Structure formats: C-alpha cells, structure tokens
Amino acid sequence: MKRELAPIPEWVEESSFEVAQNIGFEVDLAFTRESWNGRIKACRGVEASLSSVEVQAFEKEHLAMLANYPEEFKVKHYATMQIFRNSK
C-alpha cells in the first residue's frame, strides 16, 4: 500500500526553516489486550463521544473480542517524521 508523507506545515513558508527530510515508514507497535483497549477508546473518540454507560458497554464487548487474541500482539502503524533545518 502506498502511503502519503506528512504535508509541509504552512508556517514553514514564513519561517527561516526548510524541510531537510520528509520520511514515512511502517513500524510494528507492541500492545497487550489492555493497552490496545485503552488506545482504541482514546484514539477513536469512544470516551469523548459516548456516554459513560455506552463506554462501559463498548469496553465489555471490545474486551470480549480481544479475549480471542494473544495477550501480547503487534499492530502495524505508519509513522511520518519531518526534519527541519535553518535555511538562513
């Protein structure tokens, strides 16, 4: 799968910096069932958008699903990194 690099921030044009490197790469991140449950609740807006009762129901169902997975597993992520240098 071809991935996009991070866009150059607007502030760069008005600064004394330029992009020296714009890098993207895949990395395997290790999780436990518990840490993955916490990540999904946080990054998918579960806790931010659901009531406490709905969050509890989500967590119960999600942890039941995760019981079918090993206690520790890896999830591939795509990371981007920009390195800037002073252009003056």
PDB file of N, CA and C in Angstrom:
ATOM      1  N   MET A   1       0.848  -1.177   0.000  1.00  0.00           N
ATOM      2  CA  MET A   1       0.000   0.000   0.000  1.00  0.00           C
ATOM      3  C   MET A   1       0.896   1.245   0.000  1.00  0.00           C
ATOM      4  N   LYS A   2       0.648   2.138  -0.925  1.00  0.00           N
ATOM      5  CA  LYS A   2       1.410   3.379  -0.978  1.00  0.00           C
ATOM      6  C   LYS A   2       0.840   4.360   0.038  1.00  0.00           C
ATOM      7  N   ARG A   3       1.717   4.932   0.811  1.00  0.00           N
ATOM      8  CA  ARG A   3       1.316   5.873   1.859  1.00  0.00           C
ATOM      9  C   ARG A   3       1.769   7.274   1.491  1.00  0.00           C
ATOM     10  N   GLU A   4       1.062   8.237   2.008  1.00  0.00           N
ATOM     11  CA  GLU A   4       1.400   9.640   1.791  1.00  0.00           C
ATOM     12  C   GLU A   4       2.331  10.136   2.887  1.00  0.00           C
ATOM     13  N   LEU A   5       3.242  11.009   2.514  1.00  0.00           N
ATOM     14  CA  LEU A   5       4.069  11.677   3.511  1.00  0.00           C
ATOM     15  C   LEU A   5       3.262  12.796   4.157  1.00  0.00           C
ATOM     16  N   ALA A   6       3.691  13.216   5.313  1.00  0.00           N
ATOM     17  CA  ALA A   6       3.010  14.309   6.010  1.00  0.00           C
ATOM     18  C   ALA A   6       3.136  15.588   5.185  1.00  0.00           C
ATOM     19  N   PRO A   7       2.073  16.390   5.103  1.00  0.00           N
ATOM     20  CA  PRO A   7       2.167  17.654   4.369  1.00  0.00           C
ATOM     21  C   PRO A   7       3.109  18.629   5.071  1.00  0.00           C
ATOM     22  N   ILE A   8       3.713  19.490   4.300  1.00  0.00           N
ATOM     23  CA  ILE A   8       4.607  20.510   4.864  1.00  0.00           C
ATOM     24  C   ILE A   8       3.736  21.541   5.591  1.00  0.00           C
ATOM     25  N   PRO A   9       4.029  21.829   6.854  1.00  0.00           N
ATOM     26  CA  PRO A   9       3.220  22.806   7.598  1.00  0.00           C
ATOM     27  C   PRO A   9       3.273  24.197   6.971  1.00  0.00           C
ATOM     28  N   GLU A  10       2.176  24.920   7.060  1.00  0.00           N
ATOM     29  CA  GLU A  10       2.089  26.264   6.474  1.00  0.00           C
ATOM     30  C   GLU A  10       3.123  27.218   7.059  1.00  0.00           C
ATOM     31  N   TRP A  11       3.441  27.067   8.339  1.00  0.00           N
ATOM     32  CA  TRP A  11       4.348  28.005   8.997  1.00  0.00           C
ATOM     33  C   TRP A  11       5.751  27.976   8.400  1.00  0.00           C
ATOM     34  N   VAL A  12       6.104  26.903   7.688  1.00  0.00           N
ATOM     35  CA  VAL A  12       7.454  26.778   7.138  1.00  0.00           C
ATOM     36  C   VAL A  12       7.746  27.899   6.136  1.00  0.00           C
ATOM     37  N   GLU A  13       6.772  28.245   5.309  1.00  0.00           N
ATOM     38  CA  GLU A  13       6.976  29.284   4.288  1.00  0.00           C
ATOM     39  C   GLU A  13       7.345  30.636   4.891  1.00  0.00           C
ATOM     40  N   GLU A  14       6.837  30.923   6.068  1.00  0.00           N
ATOM     41  CA  GLU A  14       7.077  32.223   6.696  1.00  0.00           C
ATOM     42  C   GLU A  14       8.183  32.165   7.745  1.00  0.00           C
ATOM     43  N   SER A  15       8.914  31.069   7.782  1.00  0.00           N
ATOM     44  CA  SER A  15       9.957  30.918   8.799  1.00  0.00           C
ATOM     45  C   SER A  15      11.336  30.868   8.141  1.00  0.00           C
ATOM     46  N   SER A  16      12.328  30.697   8.956  1.00  0.00           N
ATOM     47  CA  SER A  16      13.690  30.565   8.447  1.00  0.00           C
ATOM     48  C   SER A  16      14.072  29.090   8.306  1.00  0.00           C
ATOM     49  N   PHE A  17      13.070  28.220   8.286  1.00  0.00           N
ATOM     50  CA  PHE A  17      13.335  26.786   8.189  1.00  0.00           C
ATOM     51  C   PHE A  17      12.910  26.239   6.837  1.00  0.00           C
ATOM     52  N   GLU A  18      13.528  25.128   6.478  1.00  0.00           N
ATOM     53  CA  GLU A  18      13.122  24.366   5.304  1.00  0.00           C
ATOM     54  C   GLU A  18      13.116  22.895   5.696  1.00  0.00           C
ATOM     55  N   VAL A  19      12.401  22.105   4.935  1.00  0.00           N
ATOM     56  CA  VAL A  19      12.330  20.686   5.226  1.00  0.00           C
ATOM     57  C   VAL A  19      13.593  20.016   4.695  1.00  0.00           C
ATOM     58  N   ALA A  20      14.369  19.445   5.589  1.00  0.00           N
ATOM     59  CA  ALA A  20      15.573  18.720   5.186  1.00  0.00           C
ATOM     60  C   ALA A  20      15.216  17.294   4.775  1.00  0.00           C
ATOM     61  N   GLN A  21      14.279  16.689   5.511  1.00  0.00           N
ATOM     62  CA  GLN A  21      13.823  15.339   5.197  1.00  0.00           C
ATOM     63  C   GLN A  21      12.354  15.193   5.560  1.00  0.00           C
ATOM     64  N   ASN A  22      11.626  14.475   4.720  1.00  0.00           N
ATOM     65  CA  ASN A  22      10.228  14.143   4.971  1.00  0.00           C
ATOM     66  C   ASN A  22      10.135  12.632   4.797  1.00  0.00           C
ATOM     67  N   ILE A  23       9.994  11.915   5.897  1.00  0.00           N
ATOM     68  CA  ILE A  23      10.149  10.464   5.898  1.00  0.00           C
ATOM     69  C   ILE A  23       8.849   9.804   6.348  1.00  0.00           C
ATOM     70  N   GLY A  24       8.538   8.669   5.755  1.00  0.00           N
ATOM     71  CA  GLY A  24       7.435   7.836   6.196  1.00  0.00           C
ATOM     72  C   GLY A  24       7.893   6.397   6.255  1.00  0.00           C
ATOM     73  N   PHE A  25       7.435   5.661   7.248  1.00  0.00           N
ATOM     74  CA  PHE A  25       7.847   4.259   7.382  1.00  0.00           C
ATOM     75  C   PHE A  25       6.829   3.486   8.202  1.00  0.00           C
ATOM     76  N   GLU A  26       6.796   2.171   7.978  1.00  0.00           N
ATOM     77  CA  GLU A  26       5.931   1.305   8.766  1.00  0.00           C
ATOM     78  C   GLU A  26       6.700   0.765   9.958  1.00  0.00           C
ATOM     79  N   VAL A  27       5.998   0.606  11.057  1.00  0.00           N
ATOM     80  CA  VAL A  27       6.607   0.097  12.283  1.00  0.00           C
ATOM     81  C   VAL A  27       5.582  -0.784  12.996  1.00  0.00           C
ATOM     82  N   ASP A  28       6.058  -1.890  13.554  1.00  0.00           N
ATOM     83  CA  ASP A  28       5.194  -2.754  14.348  1.00  0.00           C
ATOM     84  C   ASP A  28       5.232  -2.285  15.799  1.00  0.00           C
ATOM     85  N   LEU A  29       4.075  -1.918  16.341  1.00  0.00           N
ATOM     86  CA  LEU A  29       3.990  -1.492  17.736  1.00  0.00           C
ATOM     87  C   LEU A  29       3.382  -2.615  18.567  1.00  0.00           C
ATOM     88  N   ALA A  30       4.005  -2.893  19.691  1.00  0.00           N
ATOM     89  CA  ALA A  30       3.539  -3.968  20.574  1.00  0.00           C
ATOM     90  C   ALA A  30       2.446  -3.456  21.512  1.00  0.00           C
ATOM     91  N   PHE A  31       1.430  -4.280  21.681  1.00  0.00           N
ATOM     92  CA  PHE A  31       0.315  -3.977  22.578  1.00  0.00           C
ATOM     93  C   PHE A  31      -0.046  -5.215  23.377  1.00  0.00           C
ATOM     94  N   THR A  32      -0.654  -4.990  24.515  1.00  0.00           N
ATOM     95  CA  THR A  32      -1.351  -6.050  25.239  1.00  0.00           C
ATOM     96  C   THR A  32      -2.833  -5.839  24.952  1.00  0.00           C
ATOM     97  N   ARG A  33      -3.647  -6.777  25.331  1.00  0.00           N
ATOM     98  CA  ARG A  33      -5.097  -6.579  25.159  1.00  0.00           C
ATOM     99  C   ARG A  33      -5.549  -5.310  25.882  1.00  0.00           C
ATOM    100  N   GLU A  34      -5.046  -5.135  27.100  1.00  0.00           N
ATOM    101  CA  GLU A  34      -5.440  -3.973  27.900  1.00  0.00           C
ATOM    102  C   GLU A  34      -4.970  -2.663  27.268  1.00  0.00           C
ATOM    103  N   SER A  35      -3.715  -2.630  26.796  1.00  0.00           N
ATOM    104  CA  SER A  35      -3.217  -1.378  26.207  1.00  0.00           C
ATOM    105  C   SER A  35      -3.910  -1.078  24.883  1.00  0.00           C
ATOM    106  N   TRP A  36      -4.257  -2.120  24.107  1.00  0.00           N
ATOM    107  CA  TRP A  36      -4.972  -1.882  22.847  1.00  0.00           C
ATOM    108  C   TRP A  36      -6.380  -1.370  23.138  1.00  0.00           C
ATOM    109  N   ASN A  37      -7.020  -1.924  24.126  1.00  0.00           N
ATOM    110  CA  ASN A  37      -8.344  -1.434  24.511  1.00  0.00           C
ATOM    111  C   ASN A  37      -8.278   0.048  24.881  1.00  0.00           C
ATOM    112  N   GLY A  38      -7.280   0.422  25.665  1.00  0.00           N
ATOM    113  CA  GLY A  38      -7.115   1.829  26.035  1.00  0.00           C
ATOM    114  C   GLY A  38      -6.841   2.716  24.835  1.00  0.00           C
ATOM    115  N   ARG A  39      -6.023   2.236  23.913  1.00  0.00           N
ATOM    116  CA  ARG A  39      -5.717   3.036  22.723  1.00  0.00           C
ATOM    117  C   ARG A  39      -6.965   3.261  21.877  1.00  0.00           C
ATOM    118  N   ILE A  40      -7.725   2.217  21.660  1.00  0.00           N
ATOM    119  CA  ILE A  40      -8.926   2.347  20.836  1.00  0.00           C
ATOM    120  C   ILE A  40      -9.932   3.295  21.492  1.00  0.00           C
ATOM    121  N   LYS A  41     -10.094   3.189  22.801  1.00  0.00           N
ATOM    122  CA  LYS A  41     -11.015   4.108  23.486  1.00  0.00           C
ATOM    123  C   LYS A  41     -10.560   5.555  23.322  1.00  0.00           C
ATOM    124  N   ALA A  42      -9.268   5.789  23.379  1.00  0.00           N
ATOM    125  CA  ALA A  42      -8.743   7.156  23.306  1.00  0.00           C
ATOM    126  C   ALA A  42      -8.676   7.684  21.872  1.00  0.00           C
ATOM    127  N   CYS A  43      -8.133   6.912  20.956  1.00  0.00           N
ATOM    128  CA  CYS A  43      -7.871   7.477  19.628  1.00  0.00           C
ATOM    129  C   CYS A  43      -9.079   7.444  18.710  1.00  0.00           C
ATOM    130  N   ARG A  44     -10.046   6.677  18.968  1.00  0.00           N
ATOM    131  CA  ARG A  44     -11.243   6.640  18.125  1.00  0.00           C
ATOM    132  C   ARG A  44     -12.378   7.484  18.687  1.00  0.00           C
ATOM    133  N   GLY A  45     -12.084   8.248  19.706  1.00  0.00           N
ATOM    134  CA  GLY A  45     -13.088   9.142  20.259  1.00  0.00           C
ATOM    135  C   GLY A  45     -14.198   8.447  21.015  1.00  0.00           C
ATOM    136  N   VAL A  46     -13.965   7.224  21.421  1.00  0.00           N
ATOM    137  CA  VAL A  46     -15.008   6.476  22.131  1.00  0.00           C
ATOM    138  C   VAL A  46     -15.386   7.205  23.414  1.00  0.00           C
ATOM    139  N   GLU A  47     -14.400   7.455  24.271  1.00  0.00           N
ATOM    140  CA  GLU A  47     -14.697   8.114  25.546  1.00  0.00           C
ATOM    141  C   GLU A  47     -15.143   9.561  25.355  1.00  0.00           C
ATOM    142  N   ALA A  48     -14.691  10.197  24.286  1.00  0.00           N
ATOM    143  CA  ALA A  48     -15.039  11.597  24.058  1.00  0.00           C
ATOM    144  C   ALA A  48     -16.441  11.764  23.487  1.00  0.00           C
ATOM    145  N   SER A  49     -16.967  10.720  22.852  1.00  0.00           N
ATOM    146  CA  SER A  49     -18.243  10.902  22.155  1.00  0.00           C
ATOM    147  C   SER A  49     -19.388  10.047  22.698  1.00  0.00           C
ATOM    148  N   LEU A  50     -19.095   9.124  23.595  1.00  0.00           N
ATOM    149  CA  LEU A  50     -20.147   8.266  24.136  1.00  0.00           C
ATOM    150  C   LEU A  50     -20.411   8.594  25.604  1.00  0.00           C
ATOM    151  N   SER A  51     -21.597   8.256  26.056  1.00  0.00           N
ATOM    152  CA  SER A  51     -21.912   8.414  27.483  1.00  0.00           C
ATOM    153  C   SER A  51     -21.134   7.371  28.277  1.00  0.00           C
ATOM    154  N   SER A  52     -21.068   7.539  29.581  1.00  0.00           N
ATOM    155  CA  SER A  52     -20.332   6.574  30.415  1.00  0.00           C
ATOM    156  C   SER A  52     -20.948   5.178  30.326  1.00  0.00           C
ATOM    157  N   VAL A  53     -22.238   5.095  30.201  1.00  0.00           N
ATOM    158  CA  VAL A  53     -22.908   3.793  30.059  1.00  0.00           C
ATOM    159  C   VAL A  53     -22.517   3.153  28.723  1.00  0.00           C
ATOM    160  N   GLU A  54     -22.484   3.955  27.661  1.00  0.00           N
ATOM    161  CA  GLU A  54     -22.095   3.442  26.347  1.00  0.00           C
ATOM    162  C   GLU A  54     -20.620   3.032  26.318  1.00  0.00           C
ATOM    163  N   VAL A  55     -19.775   3.785  27.006  1.00  0.00           N
ATOM    164  CA  VAL A  55     -18.349   3.437  27.085  1.00  0.00           C
ATOM    165  C   VAL A  55     -18.185   2.097  27.791  1.00  0.00           C
ATOM    166  N   GLN A  56     -18.906   1.888  28.886  1.00  0.00           N
ATOM    167  CA  GLN A  56     -18.827   0.616  29.610  1.00  0.00           C
ATOM    168  C   GLN A  56     -19.288  -0.540  28.722  1.00  0.00           C
ATOM    169  N   ALA A  57     -20.358  -0.330  27.959  1.00  0.00           N
ATOM    170  CA  ALA A  57     -20.850  -1.376  27.055  1.00  0.00           C
ATOM    171  C   ALA A  57     -19.832  -1.657  25.954  1.00  0.00           C
ATOM    172  N   PHE A  58     -19.237  -0.595  25.403  1.00  0.00           N
ATOM    173  CA  PHE A  58     -18.206  -0.764  24.375  1.00  0.00           C
ATOM    174  C   PHE A  58     -17.035  -1.563  24.938  1.00  0.00           C
ATOM    175  N   GLU A  59     -16.570  -1.152  26.118  1.00  0.00           N
ATOM    176  CA  GLU A  59     -15.403  -1.798  26.712  1.00  0.00           C
ATOM    177  C   GLU A  59     -15.664  -3.281  26.979  1.00  0.00           C
ATOM    178  N   LYS A  60     -16.834  -3.606  27.476  1.00  0.00           N
ATOM    179  CA  LYS A  60     -17.178  -5.002  27.742  1.00  0.00           C
ATOM    180  C   LYS A  60     -17.132  -5.824  26.454  1.00  0.00           C
ATOM    181  N   GLU A  61     -17.737  -5.299  25.396  1.00  0.00           N
ATOM    182  CA  GLU A  61     -17.769  -6.011  24.119  1.00  0.00           C
ATOM    183  C   GLU A  61     -16.373  -6.081  23.493  1.00  0.00           C
ATOM    184  N   HIS A  62     -15.619  -4.988  23.573  1.00  0.00           N
ATOM    185  CA  HIS A  62     -14.289  -4.943  22.982  1.00  0.00           C
ATOM    186  C   HIS A  62     -13.347  -5.914  23.696  1.00  0.00           C
ATOM    187  N   LEU A  63     -13.374  -5.933  25.034  1.00  0.00           N
ATOM    188  CA  LEU A  63     -12.519  -6.855  25.782  1.00  0.00           C
ATOM    189  C   LEU A  63     -12.913  -8.312  25.523  1.00  0.00           C
ATOM    190  N   ALA A  64     -14.198  -8.581  25.328  1.00  0.00           N
ATOM    191  CA  ALA A  64     -14.643  -9.942  24.991  1.00  0.00           C
ATOM    192  C   ALA A  64     -14.079 -10.359  23.636  1.00  0.00           C
ATOM    193  N   MET A  65     -14.075  -9.435  22.672  1.00  0.00           N
ATOM    194  CA  MET A  65     -13.497  -9.724  21.368  1.00  0.00           C
ATOM    195  C   MET A  65     -11.994  -9.961  21.481  1.00  0.00           C
ATOM    196  N   LEU A  66     -11.314  -9.115  22.278  1.00  0.00           N
ATOM    197  CA  LEU A  66      -9.865  -9.231  22.429  1.00  0.00           C
ATOM    198  C   LEU A  66      -9.459 -10.529  23.123  1.00  0.00           C
ATOM    199  N   ALA A  67     -10.361 -11.166  23.849  1.00  0.00           N
ATOM    200  CA  ALA A  67     -10.052 -12.441  24.505  1.00  0.00           C
ATOM    201  C   ALA A  67      -9.688 -13.514  23.484  1.00  0.00           C
ATOM    202  N   ASN A  68     -10.073 -13.314  22.232  1.00  0.00           N
ATOM    203  CA  ASN A  68      -9.747 -14.254  21.153  1.00  0.00           C
ATOM    204  C   ASN A  68      -8.351 -14.022  20.580  1.00  0.00           C
ATOM    205  N   TYR A  69      -7.666 -13.009  21.047  1.00  0.00           N
ATOM    206  CA  TYR A  69      -6.327 -12.661  20.564  1.00  0.00           C
ATOM    207  C   TYR A  69      -5.292 -13.040  21.617  1.00  0.00           C
ATOM    208  N   PRO A  70      -4.033 -13.190  21.202  1.00  0.00           N
ATOM    209  CA  PRO A  70      -2.984 -13.441  22.197  1.00  0.00           C
ATOM    210  C   PRO A  70      -2.902 -12.283  23.187  1.00  0.00           C
ATOM    211  N   GLU A  71      -2.364 -12.537  24.381  1.00  0.00           N
ATOM    212  CA  GLU A  71      -2.239 -11.477  25.390  1.00  0.00           C
ATOM    213  C   GLU A  71      -1.383 -10.328  24.879  1.00  0.00           C
ATOM    214  N   GLU A  72      -0.349 -10.632  24.103  1.00  0.00           N
ATOM    215  CA  GLU A  72       0.509  -9.603  23.507  1.00  0.00           C
ATOM    216  C   GLU A  72       0.523  -9.789  21.996  1.00  0.00           C
ATOM    217  N   PHE A  73       0.437  -8.702  21.262  1.00  0.00           N
ATOM    218  CA  PHE A  73       0.423  -8.759  19.798  1.00  0.00           C
ATOM    219  C   PHE A  73       0.972  -7.453  19.244  1.00  0.00           C
ATOM    220  N   LYS A  74       1.246  -7.456  17.947  1.00  0.00           N
ATOM    221  CA  LYS A  74       1.773  -6.261  17.287  1.00  0.00           C
ATOM    222  C   LYS A  74       0.782  -5.767  16.251  1.00  0.00           C
ATOM    223  N   VAL A  75       0.739  -4.438  16.097  1.00  0.00           N
ATOM    224  CA  VAL A  75      -0.124  -3.799  15.115  1.00  0.00           C
ATOM    225  C   VAL A  75       0.749  -2.885  14.270  1.00  0.00           C
ATOM    226  N   LYS A  76       0.670  -3.071  12.954  1.00  0.00           N
ATOM    227  CA  LYS A  76       1.457  -2.246  12.057  1.00  0.00           C
ATOM    228  C   LYS A  76       0.893  -0.823  12.022  1.00  0.00           C
ATOM    229  N   HIS A  77       1.770   0.145  12.152  1.00  0.00           N
ATOM    230  CA  HIS A  77       1.409   1.554  12.088  1.00  0.00           C
ATOM    231  C   HIS A  77       2.271   2.237  11.038  1.00  0.00           C
ATOM    232  N   TYR A  78       1.788   3.324  10.517  1.00  0.00           N
ATOM    233  CA  TYR A  78       2.557   4.137   9.585  1.00  0.00           C
ATOM    234  C   TYR A  78       2.937   5.425  10.301  1.00  0.00           C
ATOM    235  N   ALA A  79       4.219   5.710  10.339  1.00  0.00           N
ATOM    236  CA  ALA A  79       4.714   6.897  11.031  1.00  0.00           C
ATOM    237  C   ALA A  79       5.343   7.847  10.019  1.00  0.00           C
ATOM    238  N   THR A  80       5.209   9.134  10.273  1.00  0.00           N
ATOM    239  CA  THR A  80       5.890  10.128   9.448  1.00  0.00           C
ATOM    240  C   THR A  80       6.726  11.015  10.350  1.00  0.00           C
ATOM    241  N   MET A  81       7.779  11.531   9.759  1.00  0.00           N
ATOM    242  CA  MET A  81       8.699  12.386  10.526  1.00  0.00           C
ATOM    243  C   MET A  81       9.244  13.446   9.565  1.00  0.00           C
ATOM    244  N   GLN A  82       9.287  14.659  10.029  1.00  0.00           N
ATOM    245  CA  GLN A  82       9.882  15.745   9.256  1.00  0.00           C
ATOM    246  C   GLN A  82      11.060  16.311  10.034  1.00  0.00           C
ATOM    247  N   ILE A  83      12.159  16.500   9.330  1.00  0.00           N
ATOM    248  CA  ILE A  83      13.343  17.104   9.926  1.00  0.00           C
ATOM    249  C   ILE A  83      13.535  18.455   9.231  1.00  0.00           C
ATOM    250  N   PHE A  84      13.660  19.495  10.047  1.00  0.00           N
ATOM    251  CA  PHE A  84      13.818  20.847   9.532  1.00  0.00           C
ATOM    252  C   PHE A  84      15.228  21.352   9.782  1.00  0.00           C
ATOM    253  N   ARG A  85      15.675  22.250   8.926  1.00  0.00           N
ATOM    254  CA  ARG A  85      16.959  22.910   9.155  1.00  0.00           C
ATOM    255  C   ARG A  85      16.769  24.391   8.896  1.00  0.00           C
ATOM    256  N   ASN A  86      17.597  25.165   9.561  1.00  0.00           N
ATOM    257  CA  ASN A  86      17.556  26.612   9.395  1.00  0.00           C
ATOM    258  C   ASN A  86      18.121  26.923   8.015  1.00  0.00           C
ATOM    259  N   SER A  87      17.359  27.645   7.227  1.00  0.00           N
ATOM    260  CA  SER A  87      17.767  27.925   5.844  1.00  0.00           C
ATOM    261  C   SER A  87      18.539  29.243   5.730  1.00  0.00           C
ATOM    262  N   LYS A  88      18.762  29.926   6.840  1.00  0.00           N
ATOM    263  CA  LYS A  88      19.493  31.201   6.784  1.00  0.00           C
ATOM    264  C   LYS A  88      20.875  31.081   7.331  1.00  0.00           C
TER     265      LYS A  88
END
